[in-house]
C-alpha atoms as a PDB file:
ATOM      1  CA  MET A   1     100.115  78.677  51.311  1.00  0.00           C
ATOM      2  CA  THR A   2     101.732  79.600  54.747  1.00  0.00           C
ATOM      3  CA  ASN A   3     100.206  77.704  57.604  1.00  0.00           C
ATOM      4  CA  LEU A   4      99.661  79.934  60.506  1.00  0.00           C
ATOM      5  CA  PRO A   5     100.638  78.752  63.902  1.00  0.00           C
ATOM      6  CA  GLU A   6      97.801  77.699  66.357  1.00  0.00           C
ATOM      7  CA  PRO A   7      96.565  80.094  68.973  1.00  0.00           C
ATOM      8  CA  LEU A   8      98.069  79.453  72.363  1.00  0.00           C
ATOM      9  CA  PRO A   9      95.898  78.284  74.911  1.00  0.00           C
ATOM     10  CA  PRO A  10      95.025  80.639  77.924  1.00  0.00           C
ATOM     11  CA  PRO A  11      97.084  80.704  81.180  1.00  0.00           C
ATOM     12  CA  LEU A  12      95.850  78.520  83.815  1.00  0.00           C
ATOM     13  CA  PRO A  13      94.472  79.729  86.964  1.00  0.00           C
ATOM     14  CA  ASP A  14      96.398  79.868  90.258  1.00  0.00           C
ATOM     15  CA  ASP A  15      95.360  76.782  91.656  1.00  0.00           C
ATOM     16  CA  GLU A  16      95.747  74.680  88.606  1.00  0.00           C
ATOM     17  CA  VAL A  17      99.249  76.029  87.828  1.00  0.00           C
ATOM     18  CA  LEU A  18     100.154  75.066  91.369  1.00  0.00           C
ATOM     19  CA  ALA A  19      98.825  71.703  91.037  1.00  0.00           C
ATOM     20  CA  LEU A  20     100.841  71.173  87.886  1.00  0.00           C
ATOM     21  CA  LEU A  21     104.254  72.056  89.847  1.00  0.00           C
ATOM     22  CA  HIS A  22     103.353  69.712  92.726  1.00  0.00           C
ATOM     23  CA  ARG A  23     102.707  66.970  90.197  1.00  0.00           C
ATOM     24  CA  ALA A  24     106.006  67.453  88.583  1.00  0.00           C
ATOM     25  CA  GLU A  25     107.814  67.625  91.731  1.00  0.00           C
ATOM     26  CA  GLY A  26     105.954  64.653  92.790  1.00  0.00           C
ATOM     27  CA  ARG A  27     104.270  66.372  95.853  1.00  0.00           C
ATOM     28  CA  PRO A  28     100.823  65.576  96.481  1.00  0.00           C
ATOM     29  CA  VAL A  29      98.253  68.556  95.603  1.00  0.00           C
ATOM     30  CA  ARG A  30      97.358  70.488  98.584  1.00  0.00           C
ATOM     31  CA  ARG A  31      95.751  73.724  98.523  1.00  0.00           C
ATOM     32  CA  PRO A  32      96.478  76.436 101.192  1.00  0.00           C
ATOM     33  CA  PRO A  33      94.787  76.371 104.690  1.00  0.00           C
ATOM     34  CA  VAL A  34      92.151  78.931 105.188  1.00  0.00           C
ATOM     35  CA  LEU A  35      92.921  79.848 108.566  1.00  0.00           C
ATOM     36  CA  PRO A  36      95.980  82.257 108.002  1.00  0.00           C
ATOM     37  CA  ALA A  37      93.612  83.981 105.608  1.00  0.00           C
ATOM     38  CA  ILE A  38      90.770  84.259 108.388  1.00  0.00           C
ATOM     39  CA  ALA A  39      93.329  85.460 110.827  1.00  0.00           C
ATOM     40  CA  VAL A  40      94.963  88.099 108.725  1.00  0.00           C
ATOM     41  CA  GLY A  41      91.219  89.271 107.687  1.00  0.00           C
ATOM     42  CA  ILE A  42      90.075  89.385 111.507  1.00  0.00           C
ATOM     43  CA  LEU A  43      93.464  90.736 113.285  1.00  0.00           C
ATOM     44  CA  ALA A  44      95.138  92.847 110.598  1.00  0.00           C
ATOM     45  CA  MET A  45      93.349  96.237 111.688  1.00  0.00           C
ATOM     46  CA  PRO A  46      93.464  95.523 115.082  1.00  0.00           C
ATOM     47  CA  PHE A  47      97.168  94.962 115.091  1.00  0.00           C
ATOM     48  CA  ALA A  48      97.540  98.188 113.181  1.00  0.00           C
ATOM     49  CA  GLY A  49      95.274 100.086 115.901  1.00  0.00           C
ATOM     50  CA  LEU A  50      97.096  98.410 118.430  1.00  0.00           C
ATOM     51  CA  VAL A  51     100.905  99.496 117.332  1.00  0.00           C
ATOM     52  CA  VAL A  52      99.329 103.022 117.078  1.00  0.00           C
ATOM     53  CA  ALA A  53      97.821 102.928 120.482  1.00  0.00           C
ATOM     54  CA  MET A  54     101.220 101.954 122.165  1.00  0.00           C
ATOM     55  CA  VAL A  55     103.113 104.581 120.175  1.00  0.00           C
ATOM     56  CA  MET A  56     100.679 107.211 121.103  1.00  0.00           C
ATOM     57  CA  VAL A  57     100.956 105.938 125.011  1.00  0.00           C
ATOM     58  CA  VAL A  58     104.557 106.378 124.777  1.00  0.00           C
ATOM     59  CA  MET A  59     104.492 109.807 123.104  1.00  0.00           C
ATOM     60  CA  ALA A  60     101.868 110.853 125.456  1.00  0.00           C
ATOM     61  CA  VAL A  61     104.221 109.744 128.650  1.00  0.00           C
ATOM     62  CA  ALA A  62     106.892 111.589 127.007  1.00  0.00           C
ATOM     63  CA  SER A  63     104.883 114.628 126.702  1.00  0.00           C
ATOM     64  CA  MET A  64     103.999 114.480 130.439  1.00  0.00           C
ATOM     65  CA  VAL A  65     107.328 114.200 131.454  1.00  0.00           C
ATOM     66  CA  ARG A  66     108.459 117.201 129.501  1.00  0.00           C
ATOM     67  CA  MET A  67     105.330 119.107 130.431  1.00  0.00           C
ATOM     68  CA  ALA A  68     104.604 119.414 134.273  1.00  0.00           C
ATOM     69  CA  ASP A  69     100.817 120.999 133.466  1.00  0.00           C
ATOM     70  CA  VAL A  70      99.931 117.602 131.744  1.00  0.00           C
ATOM     71  CA  ASP A  71      98.923 114.811 134.196  1.00  0.00           C
ATOM     72  CA  ASP A  72      96.150 112.821 132.069  1.00  0.00           C
ATOM     73  CA  VAL A  73      97.499 110.367 129.552  1.00  0.00           C
ATOM     74  CA  GLU A  74      94.309 110.372 127.826  1.00  0.00           C
ATOM     75  CA  ALA A  75      94.409 113.953 127.658  1.00  0.00           C
ATOM     76  CA  SER A  76      97.839 113.997 126.373  1.00  0.00           C
ATOM     77  CA  MET A  77      96.987 111.484 123.757  1.00  0.00           C
ATOM     78  CA  GLN A  78      94.009 113.473 122.536  1.00  0.00           C
ATOM     79  CA  ALA A  79      96.214 116.512 122.101  1.00  0.00           C
ATOM     80  CA  LEU A  80      98.618 114.254 119.894  1.00  0.00           C
ATOM     81  CA  THR A  81      95.816 113.532 117.442  1.00  0.00           C
ATOM     82  CA  GLN A  82      95.466 117.542 117.151  1.00  0.00           C
ATOM     83  CA  GLU A  83      99.288 118.141 116.448  1.00  0.00           C
ATOM     84  CA  PRO A  84      99.797 118.048 112.581  1.00  0.00           C
ATOM     85  CA  ARG A  85     103.088 116.260 112.724  1.00  0.00           C
ATOM     86  CA  ALA A  86     102.110 113.532 115.373  1.00  0.00           C
ATOM     87  CA  LEU A  87      98.689 113.084 113.535  1.00  0.00           C
ATOM     88  CA  PHE A  88     100.703 112.564 109.975  1.00  0.00           C
ATOM     89  CA  GLY A  89     103.313 110.360 111.525  1.00  0.00           C
ATOM     90  CA  LEU A  90     100.517 108.321 113.338  1.00  0.00           C
ATOM     91  CA  LEU A  91      98.413 107.963 110.261  1.00  0.00           C
ATOM     92  CA  LEU A  92     101.684 106.606 108.306  1.00  0.00           C
ATOM     93  CA  LEU A  93     102.502 104.309 111.153  1.00  0.00           C
ATOM     94  CA  GLN A  94      99.051 102.959 111.240  1.00  0.00           C
ATOM     95  CA  PHE A  95      98.933 101.765 107.325  1.00  0.00           C
ATOM     96  CA  ILE A  96     102.715 100.663 107.451  1.00  0.00           C
ATOM     97  CA  ALA A  97     101.797  98.274 110.313  1.00  0.00           C
ATOM     98  CA  LEU A  98      98.683  97.354 108.355  1.00  0.00           C
ATOM     99  CA  ALA A  99     100.609  96.669 105.213  1.00  0.00           C
ATOM    100  CA  ALA A 100     103.073  94.386 107.295  1.00  0.00           C
ATOM    101  CA  VAL A 101     100.616  91.715 107.981  1.00  0.00           C
ATOM    102  CA  PRO A 102      99.832  90.691 104.654  1.00  0.00           C
ATOM    103  CA  LEU A 103     103.467  91.089 103.517  1.00  0.00           C
ATOM    104  CA  ALA A 104     104.648  89.088 106.387  1.00  0.00           C
ATOM    105  CA  ALA A 105     101.944  86.339 105.904  1.00  0.00           C
ATOM    106  CA  ALA A 106     102.481  86.083 102.076  1.00  0.00           C
ATOM    107  CA  TYR A 107     106.310  86.033 102.836  1.00  0.00           C
ATOM    108  CA  GLY A 108     105.884  82.968 104.981  1.00  0.00           C
ATOM    109  CA  GLY A 109     103.781  80.960 102.303  1.00  0.00           C
ATOM    110  CA  ARG A 110     106.329  81.953  99.502  1.00  0.00           C
ATOM    111  CA  ARG A 111     107.821  78.726  98.966  1.00  0.00           C
ATOM    112  CA  ALA A 112     104.247  77.255  98.037  1.00  0.00           C
ATOM    113  CA  GLU A 113     102.821  80.459  96.536  1.00  0.00           C
ATOM    114  CA  GLY A 114     105.460  82.073  94.721  1.00  0.00           C
ATOM    115  CA  ALA A 115     107.193  85.813  94.681  1.00  0.00           C
ATOM    116  CA  VAL A 116     105.182  87.901  97.548  1.00  0.00           C
ATOM    117  CA  GLY A 117     104.039  90.700  95.558  1.00  0.00           C
ATOM    118  CA  GLN A 118     102.695  88.646  92.829  1.00  0.00           C
ATOM    119  CA  SER A 119     100.898  86.052  95.073  1.00  0.00           C
ATOM    120  CA  LEU A 120      99.109  89.156  96.733  1.00  0.00           C
ATOM    121  CA  GLY A 121      97.717  89.884  92.953  1.00  0.00           C
ATOM    122  CA  LEU A 122     100.287  92.981  92.406  1.00  0.00           C
ATOM    123  CA  VAL A 123     100.429  91.738  88.710  1.00  0.00           C
ATOM    124  CA  LEU A 124      99.153  93.479  85.408  1.00  0.00           C
ATOM    125  CA  PRO A 125      95.372  93.053  85.569  1.00  0.00           C
ATOM    126  CA  ARG A 126      93.677  91.215  82.787  1.00  0.00           C
ATOM    127  CA  MET A 127      91.803  94.577  81.870  1.00  0.00           C
ATOM    128  CA  ARG A 128      92.215  97.047  78.931  1.00  0.00           C
ATOM    129  CA  LEU A 129      93.842 100.294  79.669  1.00  0.00           C
ATOM    130  CA  TRP A 130      90.656 102.234  78.574  1.00  0.00           C
ATOM    131  CA  LEU A 131      88.448 100.737  81.342  1.00  0.00           C
ATOM    132  CA  TYR A 132      90.165 102.356  84.124  1.00  0.00           C
ATOM    133  CA  PRO A 133      87.890 105.561  83.883  1.00  0.00           C
ATOM    134  CA  PHE A 134      84.810 103.510  83.732  1.00  0.00           C
ATOM    135  CA  VAL A 135      86.296 101.413  86.984  1.00  0.00           C
ATOM    136  CA  ILE A 136      86.326 104.823  88.919  1.00  0.00           C
ATOM    137  CA  VAL A 137      83.169 106.133  87.795  1.00  0.00           C
ATOM    138  CA  GLY A 138      81.670 102.777  88.330  1.00  0.00           C
ATOM    139  CA  SER A 139      83.019 102.780  92.056  1.00  0.00           C
ATOM    140  CA  PHE A 140      81.333 106.075  92.518  1.00  0.00           C
ATOM    141  CA  GLY A 141      78.185 104.505  91.256  1.00  0.00           C
ATOM    142  CA  VAL A 142      78.505 101.746  93.661  1.00  0.00           C
ATOM    143  CA  MET A 143      79.254 104.148  96.445  1.00  0.00           C
ATOM    144  CA  PHE A 144      76.225 106.158  95.939  1.00  0.00           C
ATOM    145  CA  ALA A 145      73.847 103.101  95.582  1.00  0.00           C
ATOM    146  CA  ALA A 146      75.449 101.760  98.649  1.00  0.00           C
ATOM    147  CA  GLY A 147      75.034 105.168 100.509  1.00  0.00           C
ATOM    148  CA  LEU A 148      71.442 105.421  99.341  1.00  0.00           C
ATOM    149  CA  LEU A 149      70.655 101.691 101.167  1.00  0.00           C
ATOM    150  CA  THR A 150      72.337 102.642 103.949  1.00  0.00           C
ATOM    151  CA  GLN A 151      70.499 105.849 104.093  1.00  0.00           C
ATOM    152  CA  VAL A 152      67.211 103.748 103.794  1.00  0.00           C
ATOM    153  CA  LEU A 153      68.264 101.512 106.962  1.00  0.00           C
ATOM    154  CA  VAL A 154      69.475 104.356 109.098  1.00  0.00           C
ATOM    155  CA  SER A 155      66.151 105.927 108.279  1.00  0.00           C
ATOM    156  CA  ALA A 156      64.237 102.767 109.096  1.00  0.00           C
ATOM    157  CA  GLY A 157      66.184 102.720 112.589  1.00  0.00           C
ATOM    158  CA  LEU A 158      67.834  99.556 111.528  1.00  0.00           C
ATOM    159  CA  LEU A 159      71.206 101.108 111.617  1.00  0.00           C
ATOM    160  CA  PRO A 160      72.703 103.560 114.168  1.00  0.00           C
ATOM    161  CA  GLN A 161      73.857 107.077 112.825  1.00  0.00           C
ATOM    162  CA  MET A 162      77.532 107.605 112.994  1.00  0.00           C
ATOM    163  CA  GLU A 163      78.433 110.683 114.656  1.00  0.00           C
ATOM    164  CA  ASN A 164      82.059 111.142 113.780  1.00  0.00           C
ATOM    165  CA  MET A 165      83.584 110.415 110.395  1.00  0.00           C
ATOM    166  CA  PRO A 166      87.373 109.661 109.587  1.00  0.00           C
ATOM    167  CA  ALA A 167      87.765 112.815 107.791  1.00  0.00           C
ATOM    168  CA  ASP A 168      86.904 114.848 111.010  1.00  0.00           C
ATOM    169  CA  ILE A 169      90.495 114.172 112.249  1.00  0.00           C
ATOM    170  CA  LEU A 170      91.568 116.757 109.107  1.00  0.00           C
ATOM    171  CA  THR A 171      89.273 119.522 110.518  1.00  0.00           C
ATOM    172  CA  GLY A 172      91.241 122.741 111.919  1.00  0.00           C
ATOM    173  CA  LEU A 173      94.753 121.497 110.412  1.00  0.00           C
ATOM    174  CA  PRO A 174      96.730 123.826 108.398  1.00  0.00           C
ATOM    175  CA  THR A 175      96.264 123.492 104.679  1.00  0.00           C
ATOM    176  CA  GLY A 176      99.664 122.056 103.798  1.00  0.00           C
ATOM    177  CA  TRP A 177      99.346 119.138 106.610  1.00  0.00           C
ATOM    178  CA  LYS A 178      95.602 118.610 105.652  1.00  0.00           C
ATOM    179  CA  ALA A 179      96.621 118.033 102.119  1.00  0.00           C
ATOM    180  CA  ALA A 180      99.569 115.558 103.523  1.00  0.00           C
ATOM    181  CA  CYS A 181      97.199 113.725 105.812  1.00  0.00           C
ATOM    182  CA  LEU A 182      94.421 113.568 103.039  1.00  0.00           C
ATOM    183  CA  GLY A 183      97.195 111.889 101.010  1.00  0.00           C
ATOM    184  CA  VAL A 184      97.859 109.383 103.695  1.00  0.00           C
ATOM    185  CA  MET A 185      94.462 108.451 104.455  1.00  0.00           C
ATOM    186  CA  SER A 186      93.658 108.120 100.522  1.00  0.00           C
ATOM    187  CA  VAL A 187      96.782 106.082  99.589  1.00  0.00           C
ATOM    188  CA  GLY A 188      97.220 104.055 102.652  1.00  0.00           C
ATOM    189  CA  PRO A 189      93.762 102.327 102.496  1.00  0.00           C
ATOM    190  CA  GLY A 190      93.758 102.262  98.725  1.00  0.00           C
ATOM    191  CA  VAL A 191      96.929 100.367  99.088  1.00  0.00           C
ATOM    192  CA  CYS A 192      97.213  98.502 102.243  1.00  0.00           C
ATOM    193  CA  GLU A 193      93.455  97.697 102.903  1.00  0.00           C
ATOM    194  CA  GLU A 194      93.491  96.071  99.596  1.00  0.00           C
ATOM    195  CA  LEU A 195      96.680  94.381 100.008  1.00  0.00           C
ATOM    196  CA  VAL A 196      94.920  92.791 103.138  1.00  0.00           C
ATOM    197  CA  PHE A 197      91.380  91.815 102.244  1.00  0.00           C
ATOM    198  CA  ARG A 198      91.629  91.507  98.284  1.00  0.00           C
ATOM    199  CA  GLY A 199      95.306  90.487  98.065  1.00  0.00           C
ATOM    200  CA  TYR A 200      95.609  87.982 100.686  1.00  0.00           C
ATOM    201  CA  VAL A 201      92.400  87.209 102.363  1.00  0.00           C
ATOM    202  CA  MET A 202      90.440  87.088  99.236  1.00  0.00           C
ATOM    203  CA  ARG A 203      93.054  85.336  97.016  1.00  0.00           C
ATOM    204  CA  ARG A 204      93.813  82.520  99.360  1.00  0.00           C
ATOM    205  CA  LEU A 205      89.943  81.721 100.229  1.00  0.00           C
ATOM    206  CA  ALA A 206      89.501  81.527  96.413  1.00  0.00           C
ATOM    207  CA  LEU A 207      92.009  78.579  96.287  1.00  0.00           C
ATOM    208  CA  ARG A 208      89.790  76.463  98.479  1.00  0.00           C
ATOM    209  CA  TRP A 209      86.232  77.835  98.134  1.00  0.00           C
ATOM    210  CA  SER A 210      84.322  79.199  95.098  1.00  0.00           C
ATOM    211  CA  PRO A 211      84.998  82.928  94.094  1.00  0.00           C
ATOM    212  CA  TRP A 212      81.622  84.360  95.437  1.00  0.00           C
ATOM    213  CA  VAL A 213      82.353  82.760  98.865  1.00  0.00           C
ATOM    214  CA  ALA A 214      85.787  84.086  98.929  1.00  0.00           C
ATOM    215  CA  ILE A 215      84.475  87.891  97.964  1.00  0.00           C
ATOM    216  CA  GLY A 216      81.563  87.462 100.392  1.00  0.00           C
ATOM    217  CA  LEU A 217      83.875  86.490 103.265  1.00  0.00           C
ATOM    218  CA  SER A 218      86.605  88.846 102.667  1.00  0.00           C
ATOM    219  CA  SER A 219      84.070  91.623 102.264  1.00  0.00           C
ATOM    220  CA  ALA A 220      82.767  90.615 106.005  1.00  0.00           C
ATOM    221  CA  PHE A 221      85.943  91.085 107.262  1.00  0.00           C
ATOM    222  CA  PHE A 222      86.422  94.211 105.395  1.00  0.00           C
ATOM    223  CA  GLY A 223      83.079  95.716 106.920  1.00  0.00           C
ATOM    224  CA  ILE A 224      83.998  94.463 110.237  1.00  0.00           C
ATOM    225  CA  ALA A 225      87.299  96.172 110.315  1.00  0.00           C
ATOM    226  CA  HIS A 226      84.983  99.694 109.887  1.00  0.00           C
ATOM    227  CA  VAL A 227      83.761  98.835 113.614  1.00  0.00           C
ATOM    228  CA  HIS A 228      80.704 101.200 113.590  1.00  0.00           C
ATOM    229  CA  PRO A 229      77.541  99.229 112.409  1.00  0.00           C
ATOM    230  CA  MET A 230      76.646 101.763 109.756  1.00  0.00           C
ATOM    231  CA  HIS A 231      80.145 101.941 108.322  1.00  0.00           C
ATOM    232  CA  MET A 232      80.423  98.221 108.812  1.00  0.00           C
ATOM    233  CA  PHE A 233      77.295  97.656 106.264  1.00  0.00           C
ATOM    234  CA  PHE A 234      78.564 100.412 103.645  1.00  0.00           C
ATOM    235  CA  ALA A 235      82.018  99.115 103.633  1.00  0.00           C
ATOM    236  CA  PHE A 236      80.628  95.249 103.048  1.00  0.00           C
ATOM    237  CA  LEU A 237      78.877  96.727  99.995  1.00  0.00           C
ATOM    238  CA  MET A 238      82.001  98.340  98.483  1.00  0.00           C
ATOM    239  CA  GLY A 239      84.018  95.550  99.387  1.00  0.00           C
ATOM    240  CA  VAL A 240      81.670  93.111  97.182  1.00  0.00           C
ATOM    241  CA  TRP A 241      82.381  95.445  94.136  1.00  0.00           C
ATOM    242  CA  LEU A 242      86.274  95.763  95.027  1.00  0.00           C
ATOM    243  CA  GLY A 243      86.533  91.780  95.494  1.00  0.00           C
ATOM    244  CA  TRP A 244      84.619  91.423  92.287  1.00  0.00           C
ATOM    245  CA  LEU A 245      86.717  93.724  90.417  1.00  0.00           C
ATOM    246  CA  ALA A 246      90.005  91.994  91.820  1.00  0.00           C
ATOM    247  CA  GLN A 247      88.617  88.527  91.061  1.00  0.00           C
ATOM    248  CA  ARG A 248      87.463  89.336  87.711  1.00  0.00           C
ATOM    249  CA  THR A 249      90.843  90.954  86.685  1.00  0.00           C
ATOM    250  CA  ARG A 250      92.935  88.415  88.560  1.00  0.00           C
ATOM    251  CA  SER A 251      94.719  91.642  90.006  1.00  0.00           C
ATOM    252  CA  ILE A 252      94.464  93.985  92.948  1.00  0.00           C
ATOM    253  CA  VAL A 253      95.703  97.108  90.956  1.00  0.00           C
ATOM    254  CA  PRO A 254      92.340  97.978  89.618  1.00  0.00           C
ATOM    255  CA  SER A 255      90.875  97.730  93.110  1.00  0.00           C
ATOM    256  CA  ILE A 256      93.454  99.871  94.785  1.00  0.00           C
ATOM    257  CA  VAL A 257      92.794 102.678  91.930  1.00  0.00           C
ATOM    258  CA  ALA A 258      89.111 102.487  92.698  1.00  0.00           C
ATOM    259  CA  HIS A 259      89.434 102.491  96.623  1.00  0.00           C
ATOM    260  CA  PHE A 260      92.094 105.404  96.462  1.00  0.00           C
ATOM    261  CA  ALA A 261      89.773 107.480  94.148  1.00  0.00           C
ATOM    262  CA  VAL A 262      86.622 107.094  96.460  1.00  0.00           C
ATOM    263  CA  ASP A 263      88.736 107.814  99.609  1.00  0.00           C
ATOM    264  CA  PHE A 264      90.500 110.811  97.883  1.00  0.00           C
ATOM    265  CA  THR A 265      87.419 112.339  96.569  1.00  0.00           C
ATOM    266  CA  VAL A 266      85.264 111.707  99.891  1.00  0.00           C
ATOM    267  CA  PHE A 267      87.951 112.863 102.232  1.00  0.00           C
ATOM    268  CA  GLY A 268      88.958 115.523 100.246  1.00  0.00           C
ATOM    269  CA  LEU A 269      85.716 117.251  99.788  1.00  0.00           C
ATOM    270  CA  ALA A 270      85.086 116.544 103.784  1.00  0.00           C
ATOM    271  CA  ALA A 271      88.257 118.266 104.471  1.00  0.00           C
ATOM    272  CA  PHE A 272      88.327 121.263 102.069  1.00  0.00           C
ATOM    273  CA  SER A 273      84.631 122.007 101.299  1.00  0.00           C
ATOM    274  CA  GLY A 274      82.739 120.854 104.133  1.00  0.00           C
ATOM    275  CA  VAL A 275      80.693 118.606 101.988  1.00  0.00           C
ATOM    276  CA  GLY A 276      80.044 115.570 104.448  1.00  0.00           C
ATOM    277  CA  SER A 277      81.322 112.294 103.833  1.00  0.00           C
ATOM    278  CA  ASP A 278      78.670 110.381 105.824  1.00  0.00           C
ATOM    279  CA  PRO A 279      76.942 107.980 103.378  1.00  0.00           C
ATOM    280  CA  GLY A 280      74.142 107.590 106.225  1.00  0.00           C
ATOM    281  CA  ALA A 281      73.808 111.188 106.850  1.00  0.00           C
ATOM    282  CA  GLU A 282      70.258 112.730 106.547  1.00  0.00           C
ATOM    283  CA  GLN A 283      69.549 114.040 103.029  1.00  0.00           C
ATOM    284  CA  GLY A 284      66.865 116.463 101.541  1.00  0.00           C
ATOM    285  CA  LEU A 285      64.604 115.309  98.548  1.00  0.00           C
ATOM    286  CA  ALA A 286      67.172 117.175  96.003  1.00  0.00           C
ATOM    287  CA  GLU A 287      70.117 115.699  97.717  1.00  0.00           C
ATOM    288  CA  LEU A 288      68.540 111.931  97.264  1.00  0.00           C
ATOM    289  CA  ALA A 289      67.676 112.872  93.549  1.00  0.00           C
ATOM    290  CA  TRP A 290      71.312 113.921  92.886  1.00  0.00           C
ATOM    291  CA  SER A 291      72.627 110.794  94.639  1.00  0.00           C
ATOM    292  CA  ALA A 292      70.232 108.541  92.585  1.00  0.00           C
ATOM    293  CA  GLY A 293      71.377 110.154  89.530  1.00  0.00           C
ATOM    294  CA  PHE A 294      74.993 109.649  90.162  1.00  0.00           C
ATOM    295  CA  SER A 295      74.457 106.111  91.172  1.00  0.00           C
ATOM    296  CA  ILE A 296      72.598 105.360  87.824  1.00  0.00           C
ATOM    297  CA  ILE A 297      75.461 106.760  85.979  1.00  0.00           C
ATOM    298  CA  GLY A 298      78.120 105.272  87.883  1.00  0.00           C
ATOM    299  CA  LEU A 299      76.358 101.660  87.812  1.00  0.00           C
ATOM    300  CA  ALA A 300      75.978 102.044  83.867  1.00  0.00           C
ATOM    301  CA  ALA A 301      79.662 102.350  83.834  1.00  0.00           C
ATOM    302  CA  ALA A 302      80.388  99.405  86.131  1.00  0.00           C
ATOM    303  CA  ALA A 303      78.090  97.630  83.858  1.00  0.00           C
ATOM    304  CA  VAL A 304      80.575  98.628  80.924  1.00  0.00           C
ATOM    305  CA  VAL A 305      83.338  97.133  83.076  1.00  0.00           C
ATOM    306  CA  VAL A 306      81.607  93.918  83.529  1.00  0.00           C
ATOM    307  CA  VAL A 307      80.529  93.478  80.168  1.00  0.00           C
ATOM    308  CA  ALA A 308      83.952  94.428  78.665  1.00  0.00           C
ATOM    309  CA  THR A 309      86.113  92.016  81.226  1.00  0.00           C
ATOM    310  CA  ARG A 310      83.508  89.200  80.437  1.00  0.00           C
ATOM    311  CA  GLY A 311      85.448  86.084  79.256  1.00  0.00           C
ATOM    312  CA  ARG A 312      88.576  87.043  80.978  1.00  0.00           C
ATOM    313  CA  ALA A 313      87.388  86.071  84.271  1.00  0.00           C
ATOM    314  CA  HIS A 314      89.252  82.584  84.118  1.00  0.00           C
ATOM    315  CA  ALA A 315      92.438  83.825  82.612  1.00  0.00           C
ATOM    316  CA  GLY A 316      94.931  83.297  85.295  1.00  0.00           C
ATOM    317  CA  PRO A 317      98.224  85.225  85.996  1.00  0.00           C
ATOM    318  CA  GLU A 318     101.281  84.231  83.926  1.00  0.00           C
ATOM    319  CA  PRO A 319     103.394  81.191  85.050  1.00  0.00           C
ATOM    320  CA  ALA A 320     105.846  83.635  86.500  1.00  0.00           C
ATOM    321  CA  VAL A 321     103.351  84.283  89.458  1.00  0.00           C
ATOM    322  CA  LEU A 322     104.704  81.081  90.955  1.00  0.00           C
ATOM    323  CA  SER A 323     108.383  81.529  90.028  1.00  0.00           C
ATOM    324  CA  GLY A 324     111.191  81.659  92.417  1.00  0.00           C
ATOM    325  CA  GLN A 325     110.311  79.152  94.500  1.00  0.00           C
END
């Protein structure tokens, strides 16, 4: 009778692998400080906005020099957002600057945390491939549920109504440029915001505190980055779902897919069909019923993800995550 080999134990979580490596090298076990994660969570979006604002000022001044009839910097900057090529370039610049923050921060800590991309959660998720459609549908369910709750708070006067939505900047653009800008506005947040809030901030906070504290704080930073109180609340709720998804699968790939799918659909509908992307907009009884129905269907899909990934929450990344030190 052939003896079967014993099954291999599951991979260790990030912090335990790091602790073992430190012990093997004779170094004391030291968890990463939380201050860099908090700083990145608070300052990443303002930094990207500042870079864009500086470039816009330079472009506006250059436009004033070329055109004698323009003598107002603010008016010239406003005109730039209505010029398709300039708008596309500014959107692209914004997300490049945003992604540079977590990449630079992770690069600075690579000696302790391993390869940059892997330390940011850019690894294969511990989730079956067939679950991706459920992740996407579940994300829409969370979006509709968060929108309904936001609507309740807006109607009760607890949150102010937003007047301008992000997709409004696409209004009036030629179809080709509208599609190009839509791509940037969907891929940019899906990748760059996930690198910041789930890739850098949440993963490092989770090495010091409990996963739910890390998810809550990173979601709070994610909400604050959206500035308007109504949008902040909505983004916080979405951030909790995306954070849980990244924590459960030990990868930000599923949260990137979910974030992109939601933004692409919402912005695309707003830009090409006129369907509002405002989660707090006034809705009639029929619209509320449809939103509630979609929310129930989506939350059922999210429940499938929760159940199907149970037992994988503590399966850490492969040891290669901390290689190349």
